[in-house]
Amino acid sequence: MQGRLLPRIDGRIQAFPWTDWLLEFPIAADLGFDLIEFIFEGPRIEDHPFWSAAGIAQVREVTRATGVAVRSVCADFFMEHPLFRGTAAERRSSLDVLLRLITAAGEVGARCVEIPCVDQSSLKSDEDEQALLGALGAALEVAKPAGVAILLETDLPPERFRRLLEGAGDPMVGANFDSGNSASLGYDPDEEIKAIGQFIQNVHIKDRILGGTTVPLGTGAVNFDRVFRALADAGYGGALVIQGARGTDDVEAARDYLSLIRALTEKYLDRT
């Protein structure tokens, strides 16, 4: 996840590194990572590299030079500006941002844009879900030609989340599975991945305490063996994005996390 190899911004665990984002790519390459998931957040979206031709060119050049690709975008912007809440004008403005973001993502080679529907952007009613599906229908008109899937991450119970994804009725709308967020909510990984496995197109590797915060991988409520076994049973073959807790030395923490995930991947997921 972008920013994890650079100094924290204002003490936050996750934020777009506005001034230093280019510096992370060679560090990631040296550690052995093959992709970085970009963060898209406010309030300075006009300064984001995706918001200009020059910025998009920079992303394409640094990925070519380092071999570290941008395959996914975590659009935290929509936690503050949900597609399904607010006035009609506010929802339209959020949709316009999503359409432009999808286009930019496609231009840098990203395969998916993730929309978090958690915390302040949690889906609270049937009306929220229907409004979201309406927005996604409009967004698919841009996403399909761009080859960019729209992935949802929600805190809905697994069966309800599955019904929401089925309601979208399009394979270009899928799920982002976050191991830590699910464990924090008390969801069983076997049940959840069985329910939504066919829709999962991206995975965040995180550990959290039950009902609590992010902690180093292997120290929280996540049973990673069960998670990876369930992903294997679901036939998952997509990206694994490490979204671990920060350490006193973030580069060394990332190195340790990568070793752990490689071992689990070799044990459970056939990537040969």
C-alpha atoms as a PDB file:
ATOM      1  CA  MET A   1       0.000   0.000   0.000  1.00  0.00           C
ATOM      2  CA  GLN A   2       1.366   3.382  -1.039  1.00  0.00           C
ATOM      3  CA  GLY A   3       3.243   5.414   1.555  1.00  0.00           C
ATOM      4  CA  ARG A   4       4.172   2.488   3.815  1.00  0.00           C
ATOM      5  CA  LEU A   5       7.861   2.748   2.807  1.00  0.00           C
ATOM      6  CA  LEU A   6       8.102   6.498   3.429  1.00  0.00           C
ATOM      7  CA  PRO A   7       7.914   8.648   6.585  1.00  0.00           C
ATOM      8  CA  ARG A   8       4.440   9.084   8.023  1.00  0.00           C
ATOM      9  CA  ILE A   9       2.403  12.132   7.119  1.00  0.00           C
ATOM     10  CA  ASP A  10       0.980  13.866  10.203  1.00  0.00           C
ATOM     11  CA  GLY A  11       1.266  10.609  12.149  1.00  0.00           C
ATOM     12  CA  ARG A  12      -1.295   8.857   9.938  1.00  0.00           C
ATOM     13  CA  ILE A  13      -0.958   5.168   9.184  1.00  0.00           C
ATOM     14  CA  GLN A  14      -2.059   5.715   5.572  1.00  0.00           C
ATOM     15  CA  ALA A  15      -1.895   8.810   3.378  1.00  0.00           C
ATOM     16  CA  PHE A  16      -0.869   9.788  -0.117  1.00  0.00           C
ATOM     17  CA  PRO A  17       2.796  10.938   0.002  1.00  0.00           C
ATOM     18  CA  TRP A  18       2.246  14.182  -1.867  1.00  0.00           C
ATOM     19  CA  THR A  19       5.867  15.321  -2.115  1.00  0.00           C
ATOM     20  CA  ASP A  20       7.781  12.020  -2.103  1.00  0.00           C
ATOM     21  CA  TRP A  21       5.604   9.519  -3.946  1.00  0.00           C
ATOM     22  CA  LEU A  22       8.156   8.914  -6.698  1.00  0.00           C
ATOM     23  CA  LEU A  23      10.805   7.924  -4.139  1.00  0.00           C
ATOM     24  CA  GLU A  24       8.853   4.884  -2.984  1.00  0.00           C
ATOM     25  CA  PHE A  25       9.124   2.967  -6.246  1.00  0.00           C
ATOM     26  CA  PRO A  26      12.881   2.196  -6.164  1.00  0.00           C
ATOM     27  CA  ILE A  27      12.621   1.277  -2.473  1.00  0.00           C
ATOM     28  CA  ALA A  28       9.798  -1.133  -3.278  1.00  0.00           C
ATOM     29  CA  ALA A  29      11.805  -2.605  -6.146  1.00  0.00           C
ATOM     30  CA  ASP A  30      14.849  -3.159  -3.922  1.00  0.00           C
ATOM     31  CA  LEU A  31      12.693  -5.022  -1.388  1.00  0.00           C
ATOM     32  CA  GLY A  32      11.217  -7.266  -4.062  1.00  0.00           C
ATOM     33  CA  PHE A  33       7.719  -5.817  -4.371  1.00  0.00           C
ATOM     34  CA  ASP A  34       6.237  -5.887  -7.855  1.00  0.00           C
ATOM     35  CA  LEU A  35       3.374  -3.439  -7.354  1.00  0.00           C
ATOM     36  CA  ILE A  36       2.215  -0.448  -5.342  1.00  0.00           C
ATOM     37  CA  GLU A  37      -1.452   0.247  -4.718  1.00  0.00           C
ATOM     38  CA  PHE A  38      -2.009   3.970  -5.151  1.00  0.00           C
ATOM     39  CA  ILE A  39      -4.035   6.020  -2.696  1.00  0.00           C
ATOM     40  CA  PHE A  40      -6.453   8.633  -4.002  1.00  0.00           C
ATOM     41  CA  GLU A  41      -7.698  11.018  -1.332  1.00  0.00           C
ATOM     42  CA  GLY A  42      -8.674  14.635  -0.752  1.00  0.00           C
ATOM     43  CA  PRO A  43      -8.598  17.444  -0.235  1.00  0.00           C
ATOM     44  CA  ARG A  44      -5.866  18.169  -2.808  1.00  0.00           C
ATOM     45  CA  ILE A  45      -7.040  15.976  -5.666  1.00  0.00           C
ATOM     46  CA  GLU A  46      -5.911  18.560  -8.209  1.00  0.00           C
ATOM     47  CA  ASP A  47      -2.339  17.916  -7.021  1.00  0.00           C
ATOM     48  CA  HIS A  48      -2.586  14.146  -7.423  1.00  0.00           C
ATOM     49  CA  PRO A  49      -0.504  12.775 -10.325  1.00  0.00           C
ATOM     50  CA  PHE A  50      -3.630  11.161 -11.769  1.00  0.00           C
ATOM     51  CA  TRP A  51      -5.129  14.628 -12.261  1.00  0.00           C
ATOM     52  CA  SER A  52      -2.762  15.800 -14.994  1.00  0.00           C
ATOM     53  CA  ALA A  53      -1.220  14.441 -18.162  1.00  0.00           C
ATOM     54  CA  ALA A  54       2.226  15.219 -16.764  1.00  0.00           C
ATOM     55  CA  GLY A  55       1.511  13.298 -13.572  1.00  0.00           C
ATOM     56  CA  ILE A  56       0.192  10.286 -15.460  1.00  0.00           C
ATOM     57  CA  ALA A  57       3.336  10.349 -17.592  1.00  0.00           C
ATOM     58  CA  GLN A  58       5.448  10.369 -14.419  1.00  0.00           C
ATOM     59  CA  VAL A  59       3.633   7.314 -13.083  1.00  0.00           C
ATOM     60  CA  ARG A  60       4.118   5.457 -16.343  1.00  0.00           C
ATOM     61  CA  GLU A  61       7.805   6.348 -16.496  1.00  0.00           C
ATOM     62  CA  VAL A  62       8.611   5.338 -12.907  1.00  0.00           C
ATOM     63  CA  THR A  63       6.797   2.026 -13.316  1.00  0.00           C
ATOM     64  CA  ARG A  64       8.766   1.364 -16.506  1.00  0.00           C
ATOM     65  CA  ALA A  65      12.070   2.307 -14.868  1.00  0.00           C
ATOM     66  CA  THR A  66      11.604   0.283 -11.681  1.00  0.00           C
ATOM     67  CA  GLY A  67       9.393  -2.595 -12.771  1.00  0.00           C
ATOM     68  CA  VAL A  68       6.996  -1.787  -9.930  1.00  0.00           C
ATOM     69  CA  ALA A  69       3.506  -1.539 -11.392  1.00  0.00           C
ATOM     70  CA  VAL A  70       0.397   0.340 -10.280  1.00  0.00           C
ATOM     71  CA  ARG A  71      -2.331  -2.270 -10.576  1.00  0.00           C
ATOM     72  CA  SER A  72      -4.926  -0.885  -8.165  1.00  0.00           C
ATOM     73  CA  VAL A  73      -6.132   2.359  -6.623  1.00  0.00           C
ATOM     74  CA  CYS A  74      -7.562   2.698  -3.115  1.00  0.00           C
ATOM     75  CA  ALA A  75      -9.998   5.594  -3.486  1.00  0.00           C
ATOM     76  CA  ASP A  76     -10.256   6.810   0.107  1.00  0.00           C
ATOM     77  CA  PHE A  77     -11.681  10.033  -1.335  1.00  0.00           C
ATOM     78  CA  PHE A  78     -15.097   8.364  -1.381  1.00  0.00           C
ATOM     79  CA  MET A  79     -15.093   7.811   2.359  1.00  0.00           C
ATOM     80  CA  GLU A  80     -15.491  11.563   2.729  1.00  0.00           C
ATOM     81  CA  HIS A  81     -17.574  11.975  -0.426  1.00  0.00           C
ATOM     82  CA  PRO A  82     -19.793   8.879  -0.786  1.00  0.00           C
ATOM     83  CA  LEU A  83     -21.476   8.172  -4.091  1.00  0.00           C
ATOM     84  CA  PHE A  84     -24.755   7.409  -2.309  1.00  0.00           C
ATOM     85  CA  ARG A  85     -25.138  10.121   0.338  1.00  0.00           C
ATOM     86  CA  GLY A  86     -25.588  13.890   0.354  1.00  0.00           C
ATOM     87  CA  THR A  87     -27.410  16.189  -2.026  1.00  0.00           C
ATOM     88  CA  ALA A  88     -27.944  15.301  -5.665  1.00  0.00           C
ATOM     89  CA  ALA A  89     -25.269  17.825  -6.605  1.00  0.00           C
ATOM     90  CA  GLU A  90     -22.792  16.316  -4.127  1.00  0.00           C
ATOM     91  CA  ARG A  91     -23.425  12.803  -5.412  1.00  0.00           C
ATOM     92  CA  ARG A  92     -23.010  13.987  -8.993  1.00  0.00           C
ATOM     93  CA  SER A  93     -19.730  15.670  -8.091  1.00  0.00           C
ATOM     94  CA  SER A  94     -18.465  12.444  -6.496  1.00  0.00           C
ATOM     95  CA  LEU A  95     -19.480  10.471  -9.571  1.00  0.00           C
ATOM     96  CA  ASP A  96     -17.629  12.914 -11.829  1.00  0.00           C
ATOM     97  CA  VAL A  97     -14.492  12.381  -9.736  1.00  0.00           C
ATOM     98  CA  LEU A  98     -14.889   8.608 -10.026  1.00  0.00           C
ATOM     99  CA  LEU A  99     -15.252   8.770 -13.804  1.00  0.00           C
ATOM    100  CA  ARG A 100     -12.085  10.813 -14.157  1.00  0.00           C
ATOM    101  CA  LEU A 101     -10.242   8.567 -11.703  1.00  0.00           C
ATOM    102  CA  ILE A 102     -11.198   5.434 -13.643  1.00  0.00           C
ATOM    103  CA  THR A 103      -9.912   6.969 -16.866  1.00  0.00           C
ATOM    104  CA  ALA A 104      -6.607   7.938 -15.243  1.00  0.00           C
ATOM    105  CA  ALA A 105      -6.252   4.528 -13.617  1.00  0.00           C
ATOM    106  CA  GLY A 106      -6.616   2.861 -16.974  1.00  0.00           C
ATOM    107  CA  GLU A 107      -3.974   5.130 -18.479  1.00  0.00           C
ATOM    108  CA  VAL A 108      -1.354   3.991 -15.931  1.00  0.00           C
ATOM    109  CA  GLY A 109      -2.250   0.317 -16.324  1.00  0.00           C
ATOM    110  CA  ALA A 110      -4.309  -0.137 -13.164  1.00  0.00           C
ATOM    111  CA  ARG A 111      -6.882  -2.902 -13.275  1.00  0.00           C
ATOM    112  CA  CYS A 112      -9.199  -1.772 -10.503  1.00  0.00           C
ATOM    113  CA  VAL A 113     -10.391   1.162  -8.414  1.00  0.00           C
ATOM    114  CA  GLU A 114     -11.537   0.321  -4.891  1.00  0.00           C
ATOM    115  CA  ILE A 115     -14.369   2.214  -3.229  1.00  0.00           C
ATOM    116  CA  PRO A 116     -14.390   1.831   0.584  1.00  0.00           C
ATOM    117  CA  CYS A 117     -17.892   1.693   2.052  1.00  0.00           C
ATOM    118  CA  VAL A 118     -16.791   1.467   5.677  1.00  0.00           C
ATOM    119  CA  ASP A 119     -16.746   3.680   8.766  1.00  0.00           C
ATOM    120  CA  GLN A 120     -18.241   7.071   7.848  1.00  0.00           C
ATOM    121  CA  SER A 121     -19.100   5.801   4.355  1.00  0.00           C
ATOM    122  CA  SER A 122     -20.749   2.602   5.565  1.00  0.00           C
ATOM    123  CA  LEU A 123     -23.914   1.490   3.783  1.00  0.00           C
ATOM    124  CA  LYS A 124     -26.704   1.979   6.320  1.00  0.00           C
ATOM    125  CA  SER A 125     -29.887   1.176   4.417  1.00  0.00           C
ATOM    126  CA  ASP A 126     -31.427  -0.364   1.321  1.00  0.00           C
ATOM    127  CA  GLU A 127     -31.661   3.156  -0.058  1.00  0.00           C
ATOM    128  CA  ASP A 128     -27.899   3.602   0.307  1.00  0.00           C
ATOM    129  CA  GLU A 129     -27.292   0.340  -1.524  1.00  0.00           C
ATOM    130  CA  GLN A 130     -29.630   1.211  -4.380  1.00  0.00           C
ATOM    131  CA  ALA A 131     -28.109   4.675  -4.754  1.00  0.00           C
ATOM    132  CA  LEU A 132     -24.646   3.112  -4.884  1.00  0.00           C
ATOM    133  CA  LEU A 133     -25.719   0.606  -7.527  1.00  0.00           C
ATOM    134  CA  GLY A 134     -27.146   3.454  -9.585  1.00  0.00           C
ATOM    135  CA  ALA A 135     -23.850   5.317  -9.457  1.00  0.00           C
ATOM    136  CA  LEU A 136     -21.922   2.180 -10.368  1.00  0.00           C
ATOM    137  CA  GLY A 137     -24.152   1.641 -13.376  1.00  0.00           C
ATOM    138  CA  ALA A 138     -23.181   5.069 -14.675  1.00  0.00           C
ATOM    139  CA  ALA A 139     -19.511   4.490 -13.863  1.00  0.00           C
ATOM    140  CA  LEU A 140     -19.430   1.207 -15.770  1.00  0.00           C
ATOM    141  CA  GLU A 141     -19.927   3.133 -18.995  1.00  0.00           C
ATOM    142  CA  VAL A 142     -16.404   4.473 -18.487  1.00  0.00           C
ATOM    143  CA  ALA A 143     -14.912   1.515 -16.609  1.00  0.00           C
ATOM    144  CA  LYS A 144     -15.643  -1.105 -19.257  1.00  0.00           C
ATOM    145  CA  PRO A 145     -13.845   0.631 -22.144  1.00  0.00           C
ATOM    146  CA  ALA A 146     -10.962   1.474 -19.790  1.00  0.00           C
ATOM    147  CA  GLY A 147     -10.658  -2.131 -18.602  1.00  0.00           C
ATOM    148  CA  VAL A 148     -10.811  -0.999 -14.970  1.00  0.00           C
ATOM    149  CA  ALA A 149     -12.956  -2.944 -12.515  1.00  0.00           C
ATOM    150  CA  ILE A 150     -14.797  -1.160  -9.704  1.00  0.00           C
ATOM    151  CA  LEU A 151     -14.305  -2.974  -6.420  1.00  0.00           C
ATOM    152  CA  LEU A 152     -16.281  -2.436  -3.242  1.00  0.00           C
ATOM    153  CA  GLU A 153     -15.085  -2.958   0.277  1.00  0.00           C
ATOM    154  CA  THR A 154     -17.920  -2.926   2.796  1.00  0.00           C
ATOM    155  CA  ASP A 155     -18.590  -3.834   6.402  1.00  0.00           C
ATOM    156  CA  LEU A 156     -21.821  -5.596   5.431  1.00  0.00           C
ATOM    157  CA  PRO A 157     -22.363  -9.159   6.652  1.00  0.00           C
ATOM    158  CA  PRO A 158     -21.032 -11.576   4.018  1.00  0.00           C
ATOM    159  CA  GLU A 159     -24.366 -12.766   2.622  1.00  0.00           C
ATOM    160  CA  ARG A 160     -25.704  -9.229   2.330  1.00  0.00           C
ATOM    161  CA  PHE A 161     -22.497  -8.125   0.629  1.00  0.00           C
ATOM    162  CA  ARG A 162     -22.881 -11.001  -1.819  1.00  0.00           C
ATOM    163  CA  ARG A 163     -26.432  -9.928  -2.641  1.00  0.00           C
ATOM    164  CA  LEU A 164     -25.230  -6.365  -3.239  1.00  0.00           C
ATOM    165  CA  LEU A 165     -22.574  -7.588  -5.667  1.00  0.00           C
ATOM    166  CA  GLU A 166     -25.089  -9.810  -7.418  1.00  0.00           C
ATOM    167  CA  GLY A 167     -27.355  -6.781  -7.701  1.00  0.00           C
ATOM    168  CA  ALA A 168     -24.687  -4.965  -9.696  1.00  0.00           C
ATOM    169  CA  GLY A 169     -25.057  -7.684 -12.294  1.00  0.00           C
ATOM    170  CA  ASP A 170     -21.707  -7.090 -13.973  1.00  0.00           C
ATOM    171  CA  PRO A 171     -18.326  -8.849 -13.627  1.00  0.00           C
ATOM    172  CA  MET A 172     -16.625  -5.441 -13.707  1.00  0.00           C
ATOM    173  CA  VAL A 173     -18.078  -4.785 -10.237  1.00  0.00           C
ATOM    174  CA  GLY A 174     -16.328  -6.906  -7.641  1.00  0.00           C
ATOM    175  CA  ALA A 175     -15.010  -7.045  -4.104  1.00  0.00           C
ATOM    176  CA  ASN A 176     -11.867  -6.000  -2.307  1.00  0.00           C
ATOM    177  CA  PHE A 177     -11.307  -8.370   0.617  1.00  0.00           C
ATOM    178  CA  ASP A 178      -9.483  -6.905   3.632  1.00  0.00           C
ATOM    179  CA  SER A 179      -8.327  -9.594   6.055  1.00  0.00           C
ATOM    180  CA  GLY A 180      -7.850  -7.226   8.981  1.00  0.00           C
ATOM    181  CA  ASN A 181     -11.089  -5.299   8.639  1.00  0.00           C
ATOM    182  CA  SER A 182     -13.046  -8.540   8.384  1.00  0.00           C
ATOM    183  CA  ALA A 183     -11.352  -9.990  11.460  1.00  0.00           C
ATOM    184  CA  SER A 184     -11.976  -6.790  13.400  1.00  0.00           C
ATOM    185  CA  LEU A 185     -15.678  -7.152  12.629  1.00  0.00           C
ATOM    186  CA  GLY A 186     -15.619 -10.751  13.840  1.00  0.00           C
ATOM    187  CA  TYR A 187     -16.378 -12.310  10.459  1.00  0.00           C
ATOM    188  CA  ASP A 188     -15.304 -15.903   9.861  1.00  0.00           C
ATOM    189  CA  PRO A 189     -12.872 -15.959   6.898  1.00  0.00           C
ATOM    190  CA  ASP A 190     -14.125 -19.298   5.590  1.00  0.00           C
ATOM    191  CA  GLU A 191     -17.740 -18.135   5.588  1.00  0.00           C
ATOM    192  CA  GLU A 192     -16.979 -14.701   4.155  1.00  0.00           C
ATOM    193  CA  ILE A 193     -14.686 -15.846   1.370  1.00  0.00           C
ATOM    194  CA  LYS A 194     -17.083 -18.663   0.487  1.00  0.00           C
ATOM    195  CA  ALA A 195     -19.885 -16.095   0.227  1.00  0.00           C
ATOM    196  CA  ILE A 196     -18.065 -13.508  -1.901  1.00  0.00           C
ATOM    197  CA  GLY A 197     -15.103 -15.471  -3.278  1.00  0.00           C
ATOM    198  CA  GLN A 198     -16.277 -15.363  -6.887  1.00  0.00           C
ATOM    199  CA  PHE A 199     -16.326 -11.555  -6.697  1.00  0.00           C
ATOM    200  CA  ILE A 200     -12.938 -10.981  -5.004  1.00  0.00           C
ATOM    201  CA  GLN A 201     -10.526  -9.261  -7.388  1.00  0.00           C
ATOM    202  CA  ASN A 202      -8.099  -7.674  -4.914  1.00  0.00           C
ATOM    203  CA  VAL A 203      -6.947  -8.513  -1.389  1.00  0.00           C
ATOM    204  CA  HIS A 204      -5.573  -6.303   1.378  1.00  0.00           C
ATOM    205  CA  ILE A 205      -3.344  -8.174   3.810  1.00  0.00           C
ATOM    206  CA  LYS A 206      -3.839  -6.584   7.210  1.00  0.00           C
ATOM    207  CA  ASP A 207      -4.090  -7.666  10.845  1.00  0.00           C
ATOM    208  CA  ARG A 208      -6.351  -6.066  13.431  1.00  0.00           C
ATOM    209  CA  ILE A 209      -7.523  -6.738  16.950  1.00  0.00           C
ATOM    210  CA  LEU A 210     -11.134  -7.865  17.271  1.00  0.00           C
ATOM    211  CA  GLY A 211     -13.056  -4.595  17.411  1.00  0.00           C
ATOM    212  CA  GLY A 212      -9.790  -2.675  17.426  1.00  0.00           C
ATOM    213  CA  THR A 213      -6.921  -1.183  15.508  1.00  0.00           C
ATOM    214  CA  THR A 214      -4.307  -2.353  13.000  1.00  0.00           C
ATOM    215  CA  VAL A 215      -1.403  -4.325  14.478  1.00  0.00           C
ATOM    216  CA  PRO A 216       1.683  -6.037  12.995  1.00  0.00           C
ATOM    217  CA  LEU A 217       0.875  -9.059  10.852  1.00  0.00           C
ATOM    218  CA  GLY A 218       0.497 -12.179  12.957  1.00  0.00           C
ATOM    219  CA  THR A 219      -0.251 -10.397  16.235  1.00  0.00           C
ATOM    220  CA  GLY A 220      -3.979  -9.722  15.874  1.00  0.00           C
ATOM    221  CA  ALA A 221      -7.227 -11.577  15.250  1.00  0.00           C
ATOM    222  CA  VAL A 222      -6.470 -12.730  11.696  1.00  0.00           C
ATOM    223  CA  ASN A 223      -5.798 -16.427  11.158  1.00  0.00           C
ATOM    224  CA  PHE A 224      -3.713 -16.082   8.008  1.00  0.00           C
ATOM    225  CA  ASP A 225      -3.564 -19.815   7.350  1.00  0.00           C
ATOM    226  CA  ARG A 226      -7.355 -19.940   7.228  1.00  0.00           C
ATOM    227  CA  VAL A 227      -7.526 -16.813   5.072  1.00  0.00           C
ATOM    228  CA  PHE A 228      -5.045 -18.111   2.520  1.00  0.00           C
ATOM    229  CA  ARG A 229      -6.583 -21.578   2.491  1.00  0.00           C
ATOM    230  CA  ALA A 230     -10.008 -20.043   1.839  1.00  0.00           C
ATOM    231  CA  LEU A 231      -8.596 -17.838  -0.926  1.00  0.00           C
ATOM    232  CA  ALA A 232      -7.028 -20.914  -2.500  1.00  0.00           C
ATOM    233  CA  ASP A 233     -10.333 -22.789  -2.302  1.00  0.00           C
ATOM    234  CA  ALA A 234     -12.003 -19.829  -4.033  1.00  0.00           C
ATOM    235  CA  GLY A 235      -9.424 -19.969  -6.830  1.00  0.00           C
ATOM    236  CA  TYR A 236      -8.072 -16.504  -6.081  1.00  0.00           C
ATOM    237  CA  GLY A 237      -5.206 -15.470  -8.358  1.00  0.00           C
ATOM    238  CA  GLY A 238      -5.106 -11.688  -7.998  1.00  0.00           C
ATOM    239  CA  ALA A 239      -2.892  -9.228  -6.169  1.00  0.00           C
ATOM    240  CA  LEU A 240      -2.019  -9.354  -2.476  1.00  0.00           C
ATOM    241  CA  VAL A 241      -1.523  -5.824  -1.137  1.00  0.00           C
ATOM    242  CA  ILE A 242       0.207  -5.555   2.229  1.00  0.00           C
ATOM    243  CA  GLN A 243      -1.503  -2.958   4.407  1.00  0.00           C
ATOM    244  CA  GLY A 244       0.345  -3.700   7.623  1.00  0.00           C
ATOM    245  CA  ALA A 245       0.875  -1.672  10.757  1.00  0.00           C
ATOM    246  CA  ARG A 246       3.706   0.831  10.682  1.00  0.00           C
ATOM    247  CA  GLY A 247       6.929   0.031  12.532  1.00  0.00           C
ATOM    248  CA  THR A 248       9.811   1.967  14.018  1.00  0.00           C
ATOM    249  CA  ASP A 249      11.593   1.073  10.767  1.00  0.00           C
ATOM    250  CA  ASP A 250       8.938   0.841   8.074  1.00  0.00           C
ATOM    251  CA  VAL A 251      11.274  -0.581   5.446  1.00  0.00           C
ATOM    252  CA  GLU A 252      12.336  -3.446   7.709  1.00  0.00           C
ATOM    253  CA  ALA A 253       8.724  -4.022   8.732  1.00  0.00           C
ATOM    254  CA  ALA A 254       7.767  -4.265   5.059  1.00  0.00           C
ATOM    255  CA  ARG A 255      10.605  -6.713   4.460  1.00  0.00           C
ATOM    256  CA  ASP A 256       9.343  -8.936   7.288  1.00  0.00           C
ATOM    257  CA  TYR A 257       5.747  -8.709   6.078  1.00  0.00           C
ATOM    258  CA  LEU A 258       6.774  -9.648   2.544  1.00  0.00           C
ATOM    259  CA  SER A 259       8.628 -12.728   3.803  1.00  0.00           C
ATOM    260  CA  LEU A 260       5.558 -13.834   5.758  1.00  0.00           C
ATOM    261  CA  ILE A 261       3.213 -13.394   2.801  1.00  0.00           C
ATOM    262  CA  ARG A 262       5.577 -15.141   0.406  1.00  0.00           C
ATOM    263  CA  ALA A 263       5.658 -18.145   2.724  1.00  0.00           C
ATOM    264  CA  LEU A 264       1.857 -18.247   2.900  1.00  0.00           C
ATOM    265  CA  THR A 265       1.575 -17.806  -0.860  1.00  0.00           C
ATOM    266  CA  GLU A 266       3.968 -20.680  -1.504  1.00  0.00           C
ATOM    267  CA  LYS A 267       2.062 -22.854   0.961  1.00  0.00           C
ATOM    268  CA  TYR A 268      -1.466 -22.204  -0.251  1.00  0.00           C
ATOM    269  CA  LEU A 269      -1.594 -20.376  -3.587  1.00  0.00           C
ATOM    270  CA  ASP A 270      -0.202 -21.870  -6.754  1.00  0.00           C
ATOM    271  CA  ARG A 271       1.582 -18.948  -8.423  1.00  0.00           C
ATOM    272  CA  THR A 272       3.944 -21.034 -10.588  1.00  0.00           C
END
